[in-house]
Amino acid sequence: MEARMSRPHHRLLVWRRAMDLARRIYVLTRELPEDERFGLVSQLRRASVSVPSNIAEGACRGSRKEMERFLMIARGSLGELDTQLRLVGSMDMADVDPVLFDVEQLFALMGGLARKLRAETDGSQAARRRLTSRIAAD
């Protein structure tokens, strides 16, 4: 049951892709050996859920600075996920190449969003400095 898209993060492509990746991780981890249920399965699932969760938290905080901060936390979780997937692949537990491709695409999307947020933050800080210097000159 898909609810109407009404929260700030629902409009973000990066959040939607992170949600898709988390679903793929849940499907992939069903294939892993039963004895990994409390090991890699748990770690993969936790890291994958952390990515869209942190993007959502940042978006709902309402500031560019907070969004950028939580986006970096989400990228850290994506890095954990990348490492865990590579371990699974190196141990021939599952074919992780298609999921790693999605991870790389998500890294790129997150990097682009982070650059955009930084540019907007830098631009608004420069505008505030210009305004402050004009007010001080008057």
Protein backbone atom coordinates (compact mmCIF):
# COMPACT_ATOMS: atom_id res chain seq x y z
CA MET A 1 0.00 0.00 0.00
CA GLU A 2 1.69 3.18 -1.24
CA ALA A 3 0.62 6.34 0.57
CA ARG A 4 0.28 9.65 -1.23
CA MET A 5 3.63 11.40 -1.68
CA SER A 6 3.41 14.28 0.78
CA ARG A 7 6.66 14.48 2.74
CA PRO A 8 9.71 16.47 1.57
CA HIS A 9 11.83 13.36 1.00
CA HIS A 10 9.17 11.68 -1.15
CA ARG A 11 9.97 14.12 -3.95
CA LEU A 12 13.70 13.32 -3.89
CA LEU A 13 14.92 10.93 -6.59
CA VAL A 14 17.84 9.98 -4.34
CA TRP A 15 15.43 8.85 -1.58
CA ARG A 16 13.30 6.85 -4.01
CA ARG A 17 16.39 5.11 -5.43
CA ALA A 18 17.64 4.39 -1.90
CA MET A 19 14.26 2.82 -1.09
CA ASP A 20 14.53 0.66 -4.22
CA LEU A 21 18.03 -0.42 -3.19
CA ALA A 22 16.85 -1.34 0.32
CA ARG A 23 14.12 -3.52 -1.20
CA ARG A 24 16.71 -5.20 -3.46
CA ILE A 25 18.90 -5.90 -0.45
CA TYR A 26 16.02 -7.58 1.35
CA VAL A 27 15.42 -9.80 -1.69
CA LEU A 28 19.14 -10.57 -2.08
CA THR A 29 19.60 -11.46 1.59
CA ARG A 30 16.89 -14.12 1.34
CA GLU A 31 19.38 -16.04 -0.84
CA LEU A 32 22.19 -15.96 1.72
CA PRO A 33 22.96 -18.97 3.92
CA GLU A 34 20.81 -19.39 7.04
CA ASP A 35 23.89 -19.21 9.27
CA GLU A 36 24.42 -15.59 8.09
CA ARG A 37 21.01 -14.48 9.35
CA PHE A 38 22.52 -12.72 12.39
CA GLY A 39 25.72 -11.74 10.60
CA LEU A 40 25.84 -10.37 7.08
CA VAL A 41 22.09 -10.51 6.50
CA SER A 42 21.44 -8.33 9.53
CA GLN A 43 24.27 -5.93 8.66
CA LEU A 44 23.23 -5.59 5.01
CA ARG A 45 19.63 -4.93 5.90
CA ARG A 46 20.48 -2.43 8.62
CA ALA A 47 22.86 -0.48 6.37
CA SER A 48 20.41 -0.50 3.46
CA VAL A 49 17.56 0.85 5.59
CA SER A 50 19.84 3.50 7.07
CA VAL A 51 20.45 5.11 3.67
CA PRO A 52 16.88 6.26 2.85
CA SER A 53 16.15 6.82 6.55
CA ASN A 54 18.94 9.39 6.89
CA ILE A 55 18.00 11.07 3.62
CA ALA A 56 14.43 11.38 4.93
CA GLU A 57 15.58 12.73 8.29
CA GLY A 58 17.73 15.37 6.62
CA ALA A 59 14.96 16.42 4.23
CA CYS A 60 12.45 16.71 7.06
CA ARG A 61 14.74 18.89 9.19
CA GLY A 62 14.03 21.79 6.83
CA SER A 63 17.49 23.28 6.31
CA ARG A 64 20.12 22.81 3.63
CA LYS A 65 22.81 22.40 6.25
CA GLU A 66 20.92 19.60 8.01
CA MET A 67 20.08 17.96 4.68
CA GLU A 68 23.76 17.97 3.73
CA ARG A 69 24.76 16.57 7.13
CA PHE A 70 22.30 13.67 6.99
CA LEU A 71 23.14 13.04 3.35
CA MET A 72 26.74 12.48 4.40
CA ILE A 73 25.57 10.05 7.10
CA ALA A 74 23.55 8.23 4.43
CA ARG A 75 26.66 8.07 2.22
CA GLY A 76 28.53 6.50 5.11
CA SER A 77 25.85 3.81 5.37
CA LEU A 78 26.05 3.32 1.61
CA GLY A 79 29.80 2.81 2.00
CA GLU A 80 29.13 0.13 4.62
CA LEU A 81 26.65 -1.53 2.29
CA ASP A 82 29.16 -1.46 -0.57
CA THR A 83 31.78 -3.15 1.62
CA GLN A 84 29.37 -5.82 2.85
CA LEU A 85 28.16 -6.58 -0.68
CA ARG A 86 31.73 -6.94 -1.91
CA LEU A 87 32.40 -9.38 0.92
CA VAL A 88 29.33 -11.43 -0.03
CA GLY A 89 30.47 -11.43 -3.66
CA SER A 90 34.05 -12.40 -2.83
CA MET A 91 32.75 -15.37 -0.85
CA ASP A 92 30.52 -16.45 -3.77
CA MET A 93 27.40 -16.31 -1.60
CA ALA A 94 25.38 -14.38 -4.21
CA ASP A 95 25.70 -12.46 -7.47
CA VAL A 96 26.06 -8.92 -6.18
CA ASP A 97 27.20 -7.19 -9.38
CA PRO A 98 23.75 -5.84 -10.35
CA VAL A 99 23.22 -4.46 -6.84
CA LEU A 100 26.72 -2.95 -6.77
CA PHE A 101 25.84 -1.15 -10.00
CA ASP A 102 22.84 0.38 -8.19
CA VAL A 103 25.11 1.33 -5.27
CA GLU A 104 27.46 3.16 -7.65
CA GLN A 105 24.56 5.02 -9.24
CA LEU A 106 23.26 6.02 -5.82
CA PHE A 107 26.73 7.24 -4.78
CA ALA A 108 26.74 9.44 -7.89
CA LEU A 109 23.24 10.81 -7.20
CA MET A 110 24.13 11.57 -3.60
CA GLY A 111 27.34 13.29 -4.67
CA GLY A 112 25.44 15.48 -7.10
CA LEU A 113 22.87 16.42 -4.49
CA ALA A 114 25.62 17.19 -1.95
CA ARG A 115 27.37 19.48 -4.46
CA LYS A 116 24.08 21.25 -5.20
CA LEU A 117 23.35 21.75 -1.50
CA ARG A 118 26.88 23.07 -0.89
CA ALA A 119 26.59 25.49 -3.80
CA GLU A 120 23.23 26.76 -2.56
CA THR A 121 24.57 27.13 0.99
CA ASP A 122 27.72 28.89 -0.25
CA GLY A 123 25.58 31.15 -2.48
CA SER A 124 23.26 32.15 0.35
CA GLN A 125 26.21 32.78 2.68
CA ALA A 126 27.82 35.01 0.04
CA ALA A 127 24.52 36.86 -0.42
CA ARG A 128 24.26 37.41 3.35
CA ARG A 129 27.83 38.74 3.44
CA ARG A 130 27.06 41.16 0.58
CA LEU A 131 23.90 42.35 2.30
CA THR A 132 25.69 42.75 5.63
CA SER A 133 28.53 44.73 4.05
CA ARG A 134 26.01 47.00 2.26
CA ILE A 135 24.12 47.62 5.50
CA ALA A 136 27.38 48.35 7.33
CA ALA A 137 28.44 50.80 4.58
CA ASP A 138 25.17 52.78 4.84
